[in-house]
Amino acid sequence: MHDSRRTANLLGATALALTDLALGGATEAAKVSASGAAALVSLTAHPGLSVTELGRRVGLTQSAAARMVDSLVADGLVERRASPWHSRMTMLHPTRAGSQAARKVLAARASPLTDLVAVLDEDDQRTLDRLLSTLLTRLYDEVGNAQYLCRLCDRKCCATDATCPVGQAERERDERVAPA
């Protein structure tokens, strides 16, 4: 009989080690905090977010998001622009330096992950892809926020030759809750 606790423990150790490697490199590459790195990646993928929405996507309260944005603005990575739709609303956009920093974040995040996956042969990589897609779909059911779950994802990489499992889970949830 298989000990699922052992498998869960191995998964936890792997996840933590990968997080340390990926986040450490990503934050060092852009010289920002983990939430700042996620904010730059999110804003590069979806420019024009409000501070509140950006905070939601990176897992910060509105006040913490405002402080993070102030820091990113001071560093010349993000700029505030008046909303064309609402006179009192400010939209956030990455500057050219912010977009470059986001690319550095994604490259630094990808490097240890790609190196680790490379130790697997092609069949094992396909199996891991399938298993991770299953796990991410389940995690989406738990988290319920694709933007938060994928806050440091390389969106082009995930959806170029395949369907993003998190995006698919969100579409399926939306179909289930949509009025008929």
N, C-alpha and C. Protein backbone atom coordinates (compact mmCIF):
# COMPACT_ATOMS: atom_id res chain seq x y z
N MET A 1 0.84 -1.19 0.00
CA MET A 1 0.00 0.00 0.00
C MET A 1 0.89 1.25 0.00
N HIS A 2 0.53 2.21 -0.84
CA HIS A 2 1.32 3.44 -0.96
C HIS A 2 1.02 4.39 0.20
N ASP A 3 2.05 5.02 0.71
CA ASP A 3 1.91 5.99 1.80
C ASP A 3 1.74 7.39 1.19
N SER A 4 0.49 7.84 1.09
CA SER A 4 0.23 9.15 0.47
C SER A 4 0.79 10.29 1.32
N ARG A 5 0.98 10.07 2.61
CA ARG A 5 1.58 11.11 3.45
C ARG A 5 3.01 11.38 3.02
N ARG A 6 3.73 10.31 2.66
CA ARG A 6 5.11 10.49 2.20
C ARG A 6 5.12 11.29 0.90
N THR A 7 4.24 10.94 -0.03
CA THR A 7 4.17 11.66 -1.30
C THR A 7 3.83 13.13 -1.05
N ALA A 8 2.88 13.38 -0.16
CA ALA A 8 2.51 14.76 0.18
C ALA A 8 3.70 15.50 0.80
N ASN A 9 4.44 14.82 1.66
CA ASN A 9 5.60 15.44 2.29
C ASN A 9 6.68 15.75 1.25
N LEU A 10 6.92 14.82 0.32
CA LEU A 10 7.88 15.08 -0.74
C LEU A 10 7.44 16.25 -1.61
N LEU A 11 6.15 16.31 -1.91
CA LEU A 11 5.63 17.43 -2.68
C LEU A 11 5.83 18.74 -1.94
N GLY A 12 5.57 18.75 -0.64
CA GLY A 12 5.76 19.96 0.16
C GLY A 12 7.20 20.42 0.18
N ALA A 13 8.13 19.49 0.37
CA ALA A 13 9.56 19.84 0.37
C ALA A 13 9.98 20.37 -1.00
N THR A 14 9.51 19.73 -2.07
CA THR A 14 9.83 20.17 -3.43
C THR A 14 9.26 21.57 -3.68
N ALA A 15 8.01 21.77 -3.31
CA ALA A 15 7.36 23.07 -3.53
C ALA A 15 8.09 24.18 -2.80
N LEU A 16 8.47 23.93 -1.56
CA LEU A 16 9.16 24.95 -0.78
C LEU A 16 10.53 25.26 -1.36
N ALA A 17 11.29 24.22 -1.72
CA ALA A 17 12.61 24.44 -2.30
C ALA A 17 12.51 25.19 -3.63
N LEU A 18 11.55 24.81 -4.46
CA LEU A 18 11.36 25.50 -5.74
C LEU A 18 10.94 26.96 -5.53
N THR A 19 10.07 27.18 -4.56
CA THR A 19 9.66 28.55 -4.25
C THR A 19 10.85 29.39 -3.84
N ASP A 20 11.67 28.84 -2.95
CA ASP A 20 12.86 29.57 -2.51
C ASP A 20 13.78 29.90 -3.69
N LEU A 21 14.03 28.92 -4.55
CA LEU A 21 14.91 29.14 -5.70
C LEU A 21 14.31 30.14 -6.69
N ALA A 22 13.06 29.92 -7.05
CA ALA A 22 12.43 30.76 -8.07
C ALA A 22 12.20 32.18 -7.58
N LEU A 23 11.69 32.32 -6.36
CA LEU A 23 11.43 33.67 -5.83
C LEU A 23 12.73 34.41 -5.53
N GLY A 24 13.69 33.70 -4.98
CA GLY A 24 14.97 34.35 -4.67
C GLY A 24 15.61 34.94 -5.91
N GLY A 25 15.64 34.16 -6.97
CA GLY A 25 16.22 34.67 -8.22
C GLY A 25 15.39 35.78 -8.83
N ALA A 26 14.07 35.63 -8.76
CA ALA A 26 13.17 36.63 -9.37
C ALA A 26 13.27 37.96 -8.66
N THR A 27 13.24 37.95 -7.35
CA THR A 27 13.30 39.21 -6.61
C THR A 27 14.67 39.86 -6.73
N GLU A 28 15.72 39.05 -6.75
CA GLU A 28 17.06 39.59 -6.91
C GLU A 28 17.24 40.20 -8.30
N ALA A 29 16.69 39.56 -9.31
CA ALA A 29 16.82 40.05 -10.69
C ALA A 29 16.21 41.43 -10.86
N ALA A 30 15.09 41.66 -10.22
CA ALA A 30 14.39 42.94 -10.40
C ALA A 30 14.63 43.90 -9.24
N LYS A 31 15.30 43.44 -8.19
CA LYS A 31 15.56 44.28 -7.02
C LYS A 31 14.27 44.79 -6.39
N VAL A 32 13.28 43.89 -6.30
CA VAL A 32 11.99 44.21 -5.69
C VAL A 32 11.58 43.07 -4.76
N SER A 33 10.56 43.31 -3.97
CA SER A 33 10.01 42.28 -3.10
C SER A 33 9.26 41.23 -3.93
N ALA A 34 8.88 40.14 -3.28
CA ALA A 34 8.10 39.10 -3.97
C ALA A 34 6.78 39.68 -4.49
N SER A 35 6.12 40.49 -3.68
CA SER A 35 4.87 41.08 -4.14
C SER A 35 5.13 42.11 -5.24
N GLY A 36 6.25 42.81 -5.16
CA GLY A 36 6.61 43.75 -6.22
C GLY A 36 6.88 43.04 -7.53
N ALA A 37 7.55 41.88 -7.45
CA ALA A 37 7.81 41.08 -8.65
C ALA A 37 6.50 40.62 -9.26
N ALA A 38 5.60 40.12 -8.42
CA ALA A 38 4.30 39.66 -8.91
C ALA A 38 3.51 40.83 -9.51
N ALA A 39 3.60 41.99 -8.89
CA ALA A 39 2.90 43.17 -9.40
C ALA A 39 3.41 43.56 -10.78
N LEU A 40 4.72 43.54 -10.96
CA LEU A 40 5.29 43.90 -12.27
C LEU A 40 4.87 42.91 -13.35
N VAL A 41 4.89 41.63 -13.02
CA VAL A 41 4.46 40.61 -13.99
C VAL A 41 2.97 40.80 -14.31
N SER A 42 2.16 41.02 -13.28
CA SER A 42 0.72 41.21 -13.48
C SER A 42 0.43 42.45 -14.31
N LEU A 43 1.10 43.56 -14.00
CA LEU A 43 0.86 44.80 -14.74
C LEU A 43 1.36 44.73 -16.18
N THR A 44 2.42 43.97 -16.40
CA THR A 44 2.90 43.82 -17.78
C THR A 44 1.90 43.02 -18.59
N ALA A 45 1.30 42.02 -17.97
CA ALA A 45 0.30 41.21 -18.67
C ALA A 45 -1.03 41.95 -18.81
N HIS A 46 -1.37 42.76 -17.80
CA HIS A 46 -2.66 43.46 -17.77
C HIS A 46 -2.46 44.90 -17.29
N PRO A 47 -1.92 45.78 -18.13
CA PRO A 47 -1.74 47.17 -17.72
C PRO A 47 -3.09 47.85 -17.49
N GLY A 48 -3.09 48.83 -16.61
CA GLY A 48 -4.31 49.61 -16.38
C GLY A 48 -5.12 49.14 -15.20
N LEU A 49 -4.53 48.35 -14.31
CA LEU A 49 -5.25 47.90 -13.12
C LEU A 49 -5.28 49.00 -12.07
N SER A 50 -6.27 48.95 -11.22
CA SER A 50 -6.31 49.86 -10.07
C SER A 50 -5.42 49.28 -8.97
N VAL A 51 -5.10 50.09 -7.98
CA VAL A 51 -4.30 49.61 -6.85
C VAL A 51 -5.04 48.47 -6.14
N THR A 52 -6.34 48.62 -5.96
CA THR A 52 -7.12 47.59 -5.27
C THR A 52 -7.10 46.28 -6.04
N GLU A 53 -7.30 46.33 -7.35
CA GLU A 53 -7.30 45.12 -8.16
C GLU A 53 -5.91 44.50 -8.20
N LEU A 54 -4.88 45.31 -8.32
CA LEU A 54 -3.52 44.78 -8.30
C LEU A 54 -3.24 44.09 -6.96
N GLY A 55 -3.66 44.71 -5.87
CA GLY A 55 -3.50 44.09 -4.56
C GLY A 55 -4.19 42.75 -4.48
N ARG A 56 -5.40 42.66 -5.01
CA ARG A 56 -6.15 41.40 -5.02
C ARG A 56 -5.38 40.34 -5.79
N ARG A 57 -4.81 40.74 -6.90
CA ARG A 57 -4.11 39.77 -7.75
C ARG A 57 -2.79 39.29 -7.15
N VAL A 58 -2.18 40.09 -6.31
CA VAL A 58 -0.90 39.67 -5.71
C VAL A 58 -1.05 39.29 -4.24
N GLY A 59 -2.27 39.34 -3.73
CA GLY A 59 -2.53 38.86 -2.37
C GLY A 59 -2.23 39.87 -1.27
N LEU A 60 -2.46 41.15 -1.55
CA LEU A 60 -2.22 42.19 -0.57
C LEU A 60 -3.50 42.95 -0.26
N THR A 61 -3.58 43.46 0.95
CA THR A 61 -4.68 44.35 1.29
C THR A 61 -4.53 45.63 0.48
N GLN A 62 -5.57 46.44 0.44
CA GLN A 62 -5.51 47.68 -0.32
C GLN A 62 -4.42 48.60 0.22
N SER A 63 -4.30 48.69 1.54
CA SER A 63 -3.28 49.59 2.11
C SER A 63 -1.86 49.07 1.84
N ALA A 64 -1.65 47.77 1.94
CA ALA A 64 -0.34 47.20 1.63
C ALA A 64 -0.03 47.36 0.14
N ALA A 65 -1.03 47.17 -0.70
CA ALA A 65 -0.83 47.36 -2.14
C ALA A 65 -0.47 48.81 -2.45
N ALA A 66 -1.11 49.74 -1.77
CA ALA A 66 -0.80 51.16 -2.00
C ALA A 66 0.66 51.46 -1.63
N ARG A 67 1.14 50.90 -0.52
CA ARG A 67 2.54 51.10 -0.13
C ARG A 67 3.49 50.46 -1.14
N MET A 68 3.13 49.27 -1.62
CA MET A 68 3.97 48.61 -2.61
C MET A 68 4.01 49.43 -3.90
N VAL A 69 2.86 49.92 -4.33
CA VAL A 69 2.81 50.74 -5.55
C VAL A 69 3.63 52.01 -5.37
N ASP A 70 3.52 52.66 -4.21
CA ASP A 70 4.33 53.85 -3.94
C ASP A 70 5.82 53.55 -4.14
N SER A 71 6.25 52.38 -3.65
CA SER A 71 7.64 51.98 -3.78
C SER A 71 8.01 51.73 -5.25
N LEU A 72 7.13 51.06 -5.98
CA LEU A 72 7.40 50.80 -7.39
C LEU A 72 7.42 52.09 -8.21
N VAL A 73 6.55 53.03 -7.87
CA VAL A 73 6.54 54.33 -8.54
C VAL A 73 7.84 55.08 -8.23
N ALA A 74 8.25 55.08 -6.96
CA ALA A 74 9.48 55.76 -6.55
C ALA A 74 10.70 55.17 -7.25
N ASP A 75 10.66 53.87 -7.54
CA ASP A 75 11.77 53.20 -8.23
C ASP A 75 11.70 53.36 -9.74
N GLY A 76 10.66 54.03 -10.24
CA GLY A 76 10.51 54.25 -11.68
C GLY A 76 10.05 53.03 -12.44
N LEU A 77 9.41 52.07 -11.76
CA LEU A 77 8.97 50.85 -12.41
C LEU A 77 7.49 50.87 -12.80
N VAL A 78 6.72 51.70 -12.13
CA VAL A 78 5.28 51.81 -12.37
C VAL A 78 4.92 53.28 -12.40
N GLU A 79 3.91 53.60 -13.21
CA GLU A 79 3.38 54.97 -13.22
C GLU A 79 1.87 54.94 -13.04
N ARG A 80 1.38 55.98 -12.43
CA ARG A 80 -0.06 56.16 -12.26
C ARG A 80 -0.57 57.03 -13.40
N ARG A 81 -1.74 56.65 -13.92
CA ARG A 81 -2.39 57.45 -14.96
C ARG A 81 -3.85 57.62 -14.58
N ALA A 82 -4.40 58.76 -14.92
CA ALA A 82 -5.83 58.99 -14.67
C ALA A 82 -6.65 58.04 -15.53
N SER A 83 -7.70 57.54 -14.97
CA SER A 83 -8.60 56.66 -15.70
C SER A 83 -9.41 57.46 -16.70
N PRO A 84 -9.55 56.96 -17.92
CA PRO A 84 -10.38 57.67 -18.89
C PRO A 84 -11.87 57.50 -18.60
N TRP A 85 -12.23 56.57 -17.70
CA TRP A 85 -13.64 56.28 -17.43
C TRP A 85 -14.15 56.87 -16.13
N HIS A 86 -13.24 57.09 -15.19
CA HIS A 86 -13.69 57.55 -13.87
C HIS A 86 -12.69 58.59 -13.37
N SER A 87 -13.14 59.80 -13.14
CA SER A 87 -12.24 60.90 -12.84
C SER A 87 -11.43 60.71 -11.56
N ARG A 88 -11.95 59.95 -10.60
CA ARG A 88 -11.22 59.79 -9.34
C ARG A 88 -10.42 58.49 -9.28
N MET A 89 -10.40 57.75 -10.37
CA MET A 89 -9.70 56.46 -10.37
C MET A 89 -8.35 56.59 -11.05
N THR A 90 -7.36 55.92 -10.47
CA THR A 90 -6.02 55.91 -11.04
C THR A 90 -5.71 54.51 -11.55
N MET A 91 -5.15 54.45 -12.73
CA MET A 91 -4.77 53.18 -13.33
C MET A 91 -3.24 53.06 -13.28
N LEU A 92 -2.77 51.84 -13.10
CA LEU A 92 -1.34 51.59 -12.99
C LEU A 92 -0.81 50.96 -14.27
N HIS A 93 0.35 51.43 -14.68
CA HIS A 93 0.99 50.91 -15.89
C HIS A 93 2.48 50.73 -15.61
N PRO A 94 3.06 49.66 -16.13
CA PRO A 94 4.51 49.52 -15.97
C PRO A 94 5.21 50.52 -16.87
N THR A 95 6.30 51.05 -16.40
CA THR A 95 7.15 51.88 -17.24
C THR A 95 7.98 50.95 -18.11
N ARG A 96 8.77 51.51 -18.99
CA ARG A 96 9.67 50.67 -19.80
C ARG A 96 10.60 49.88 -18.87
N ALA A 97 11.12 50.54 -17.84
CA ALA A 97 11.99 49.85 -16.87
C ALA A 97 11.21 48.78 -16.12
N GLY A 98 9.93 49.04 -15.83
CA GLY A 98 9.10 48.05 -15.15
C GLY A 98 8.85 46.82 -16.00
N SER A 99 8.61 47.03 -17.29
CA SER A 99 8.42 45.90 -18.20
C SER A 99 9.71 45.10 -18.36
N GLN A 100 10.85 45.79 -18.39
CA GLN A 100 12.14 45.09 -18.45
C GLN A 100 12.36 44.29 -17.17
N ALA A 101 12.02 44.88 -16.03
CA ALA A 101 12.16 44.17 -14.76
C ALA A 101 11.26 42.95 -14.72
N ALA A 102 10.05 43.05 -15.25
CA ALA A 102 9.14 41.90 -15.29
C ALA A 102 9.73 40.78 -16.14
N ARG A 103 10.34 41.13 -17.27
CA ARG A 103 10.99 40.10 -18.10
C ARG A 103 12.14 39.44 -17.34
N LYS A 104 12.89 40.22 -16.59
CA LYS A 104 13.98 39.66 -15.78
C LYS A 104 13.42 38.73 -14.70
N VAL A 105 12.32 39.12 -14.09
CA VAL A 105 11.68 38.29 -13.07
C VAL A 105 11.30 36.94 -13.67
N LEU A 106 10.64 36.97 -14.82
CA LEU A 106 10.20 35.72 -15.44
C LEU A 106 11.38 34.85 -15.86
N ALA A 107 12.43 35.47 -16.39
CA ALA A 107 13.61 34.69 -16.80
C ALA A 107 14.30 34.08 -15.58
N ALA A 108 14.43 34.85 -14.52
CA ALA A 108 15.08 34.35 -13.30
C ALA A 108 14.23 33.26 -12.64
N ARG A 109 12.94 33.39 -12.69
CA ARG A 109 12.03 32.37 -12.14
C ARG A 109 12.12 31.10 -12.97
N ALA A 110 12.19 31.23 -14.28
CA ALA A 110 12.18 30.08 -15.17
C ALA A 110 13.45 29.25 -15.07
N SER A 111 14.57 29.88 -14.85
CA SER A 111 15.85 29.18 -14.90
C SER A 111 15.94 27.98 -13.96
N PRO A 112 15.70 28.12 -12.66
CA PRO A 112 15.81 26.94 -11.80
C PRO A 112 14.72 25.90 -12.07
N LEU A 113 13.56 26.37 -12.51
CA LEU A 113 12.47 25.44 -12.82
C LEU A 113 12.80 24.61 -14.06
N THR A 114 13.29 25.28 -15.09
CA THR A 114 13.66 24.59 -16.32
C THR A 114 14.81 23.63 -16.07
N ASP A 115 15.79 24.05 -15.28
CA ASP A 115 16.91 23.17 -14.97
C ASP A 115 16.45 21.91 -14.24
N LEU A 116 15.50 22.06 -13.34
CA LEU A 116 15.02 20.90 -12.59
C LEU A 116 14.23 19.95 -13.49
N VAL A 117 13.34 20.49 -14.29
CA VAL A 117 12.53 19.66 -15.19
C VAL A 117 13.43 18.94 -16.20
N ALA A 118 14.56 19.54 -16.56
CA ALA A 118 15.46 18.95 -17.55
C ALA A 118 16.08 17.63 -17.08
N VAL A 119 16.05 17.34 -15.79
CA VAL A 119 16.61 16.05 -15.32
C VAL A 119 15.66 14.90 -15.66
N LEU A 120 14.43 15.21 -16.06
CA LEU A 120 13.45 14.19 -16.42
C LEU A 120 13.52 13.91 -17.91
N ASP A 121 13.28 12.66 -18.31
CA ASP A 121 13.20 12.38 -19.73
C ASP A 121 11.87 12.90 -20.28
N GLU A 122 11.71 12.84 -21.58
CA GLU A 122 10.54 13.44 -22.23
C GLU A 122 9.22 12.83 -21.74
N ASP A 123 9.19 11.51 -21.58
CA ASP A 123 7.96 10.87 -21.08
C ASP A 123 7.63 11.33 -19.67
N ASP A 124 8.64 11.41 -18.82
CA ASP A 124 8.40 11.88 -17.45
C ASP A 124 7.96 13.35 -17.43
N GLN A 125 8.51 14.14 -18.34
CA GLN A 125 8.09 15.54 -18.43
C GLN A 125 6.62 15.64 -18.82
N ARG A 126 6.18 14.81 -19.78
CA ARG A 126 4.77 14.81 -20.17
C ARG A 126 3.88 14.37 -19.01
N THR A 127 4.34 13.35 -18.28
CA THR A 127 3.58 12.87 -17.12
C THR A 127 3.50 13.96 -16.05
N LEU A 128 4.63 14.62 -15.79
CA LEU A 128 4.63 15.71 -14.81
C LEU A 128 3.71 16.84 -15.25
N ASP A 129 3.72 17.17 -16.53
CA ASP A 129 2.83 18.20 -17.06
C ASP A 129 1.37 17.85 -16.77
N ARG A 130 1.01 16.61 -17.05
CA ARG A 130 -0.37 16.15 -16.81
C ARG A 130 -0.72 16.21 -15.32
N LEU A 131 0.19 15.74 -14.48
CA LEU A 131 -0.05 15.75 -13.03
C LEU A 131 -0.15 17.17 -12.49
N LEU A 132 0.74 18.04 -12.93
CA LEU A 132 0.69 19.43 -12.47
C LEU A 132 -0.58 20.13 -12.94
N SER A 133 -1.02 19.82 -14.15
CA SER A 133 -2.28 20.40 -14.63
C SER A 133 -3.45 19.96 -13.75
N THR A 134 -3.46 18.69 -13.36
CA THR A 134 -4.50 18.19 -12.46
C THR A 134 -4.44 18.89 -11.11
N LEU A 135 -3.22 19.02 -10.57
CA LEU A 135 -3.07 19.67 -9.26
C LEU A 135 -3.44 21.16 -9.32
N LEU A 136 -3.05 21.83 -10.38
CA LEU A 136 -3.39 23.25 -10.51
C LEU A 136 -4.90 23.46 -10.66
N THR A 137 -5.55 22.56 -11.37
CA THR A 137 -7.01 22.65 -11.47
C THR A 137 -7.64 22.52 -10.09
N ARG A 138 -7.16 21.59 -9.30
CA ARG A 138 -7.67 21.42 -7.93
C ARG A 138 -7.34 22.64 -7.07
N LEU A 139 -6.14 23.18 -7.23
CA LEU A 139 -5.77 24.39 -6.48
C LEU A 139 -6.64 25.57 -6.86
N TYR A 140 -6.99 25.66 -8.14
CA TYR A 140 -7.89 26.74 -8.55
C TYR A 140 -9.23 26.60 -7.83
N ASP A 141 -9.74 25.38 -7.71
CA ASP A 141 -11.00 25.17 -6.98
C ASP A 141 -10.88 25.67 -5.54
N GLU A 142 -9.71 25.51 -4.96
CA GLU A 142 -9.47 25.95 -3.58
C GLU A 142 -9.29 27.47 -3.48
N VAL A 143 -8.46 28.02 -4.37
CA VAL A 143 -8.10 29.44 -4.32
C VAL A 143 -9.19 30.30 -4.97
N GLY A 144 -9.70 29.87 -6.11
CA GLY A 144 -10.78 30.57 -6.78
C GLY A 144 -10.40 31.88 -7.45
N ASN A 145 -9.12 32.10 -7.67
CA ASN A 145 -8.67 33.35 -8.27
C ASN A 145 -7.49 33.05 -9.19
N ALA A 146 -7.76 32.96 -10.47
CA ALA A 146 -6.72 32.61 -11.44
C ALA A 146 -5.60 33.64 -11.46
N GLN A 147 -5.94 34.91 -11.36
CA GLN A 147 -4.91 35.95 -11.41
C GLN A 147 -3.96 35.84 -10.22
N TYR A 148 -4.50 35.49 -9.06
CA TYR A 148 -3.65 35.32 -7.89
C TYR A 148 -2.80 34.06 -8.03
N LEU A 149 -3.41 32.98 -8.44
CA LEU A 149 -2.69 31.71 -8.57
C LEU A 149 -1.55 31.83 -9.59
N CYS A 150 -1.77 32.60 -10.63
CA CYS A 150 -0.78 32.73 -11.71
C CYS A 150 -0.04 34.06 -11.68
N ARG A 151 0.09 34.64 -10.50
CA ARG A 151 0.67 35.98 -10.39
C ARG A 151 2.11 36.07 -10.86
N LEU A 152 2.84 34.98 -10.87
CA LEU A 152 4.21 35.00 -11.38
C LEU A 152 4.38 34.06 -12.58
N CYS A 153 3.29 33.74 -13.24
CA CYS A 153 3.36 32.84 -14.39
C CYS A 153 3.81 33.58 -15.64
N ASP A 154 4.54 32.85 -16.46
CA ASP A 154 4.85 33.32 -17.80
C ASP A 154 3.68 32.90 -18.66
N ARG A 155 2.73 33.81 -18.84
CA ARG A 155 1.46 33.47 -19.49
C ARG A 155 1.66 32.99 -20.93
N LYS A 156 2.59 33.58 -21.64
CA LYS A 156 2.83 33.16 -23.03
C LYS A 156 3.33 31.72 -23.05
N CYS A 157 4.20 31.37 -22.15
CA CYS A 157 4.77 30.03 -22.09
C CYS A 157 3.69 28.99 -21.80
N CYS A 158 2.77 29.33 -20.92
CA CYS A 158 1.76 28.37 -20.46
C CYS A 158 0.66 28.14 -21.49
N ALA A 159 0.38 29.11 -22.31
CA ALA A 159 -0.78 29.00 -23.19
C ALA A 159 -0.45 29.00 -24.69
N THR A 160 0.81 28.96 -25.04
CA THR A 160 1.18 29.02 -26.45
C THR A 160 0.84 27.72 -27.18
N ASP A 161 1.28 26.59 -26.66
CA ASP A 161 1.07 25.31 -27.34
C ASP A 161 0.09 24.41 -26.61
N ALA A 162 -0.55 24.91 -25.57
CA ALA A 162 -1.47 24.10 -24.78
C ALA A 162 -2.48 25.04 -24.11
N THR A 163 -3.45 24.44 -23.46
CA THR A 163 -4.42 25.22 -22.71
C THR A 163 -3.96 25.35 -21.27
N CYS A 164 -3.95 26.56 -20.76
CA CYS A 164 -3.58 26.78 -19.36
C CYS A 164 -4.61 26.08 -18.47
N PRO A 165 -4.18 25.19 -17.59
CA PRO A 165 -5.16 24.48 -16.75
C PRO A 165 -5.91 25.39 -15.79
N VAL A 166 -5.27 26.45 -15.34
CA VAL A 166 -5.93 27.38 -14.41
C VAL A 166 -6.97 28.20 -15.17
N GLY A 167 -6.61 28.70 -16.34
CA GLY A 167 -7.56 29.43 -17.16
C GLY A 167 -8.75 28.57 -17.55
N GLN A 168 -8.48 27.30 -17.89
CA GLN A 168 -9.56 26.38 -18.24
C GLN A 168 -10.47 26.13 -17.04
N ALA A 169 -9.89 25.95 -15.87
CA ALA A 169 -10.70 25.75 -14.66
C ALA A 169 -11.57 26.96 -14.38
N GLU A 170 -11.04 28.15 -14.62
CA GLU A 170 -11.83 29.37 -14.40
C GLU A 170 -12.98 29.46 -15.41
N ARG A 171 -12.70 29.14 -16.67
CA ARG A 171 -13.76 29.18 -17.68
C ARG A 171 -14.86 28.18 -17.34
N GLU A 172 -14.46 26.99 -16.91
CA GLU A 172 -15.46 25.97 -16.55
C GLU A 172 -16.29 26.40 -15.35
N ARG A 173 -15.66 27.04 -14.37
CA ARG A 173 -16.40 27.54 -13.21
C ARG A 173 -17.38 28.62 -13.65
N ASP A 174 -16.94 29.51 -14.51
CA ASP A 174 -17.81 30.59 -14.99
C ASP A 174 -19.00 30.03 -15.76
N GLU A 175 -18.79 28.97 -16.51
CA GLU A 175 -19.89 28.34 -17.24
C GLU A 175 -20.89 27.70 -16.29
N ARG A 176 -20.40 27.13 -15.19
CA ARG A 176 -21.28 26.49 -14.21
C ARG A 176 -22.14 27.51 -13.46
N VAL A 177 -21.59 28.70 -13.22
CA VAL A 177 -22.31 29.70 -12.43
C VAL A 177 -23.05 30.71 -13.28
N ALA A 178 -22.83 30.69 -14.59
CA ALA A 178 -23.51 31.65 -15.48
C ALA A 178 -25.01 31.34 -15.52
N PRO A 179 -25.83 32.40 -15.49
CA PRO A 179 -27.27 32.17 -15.59
C PRO A 179 -27.63 31.59 -16.94
N ALA A 180 -28.56 30.69 -16.95
CA ALA A 180 -28.96 30.02 -18.20
C ALA A 180 -29.91 30.85 -19.02
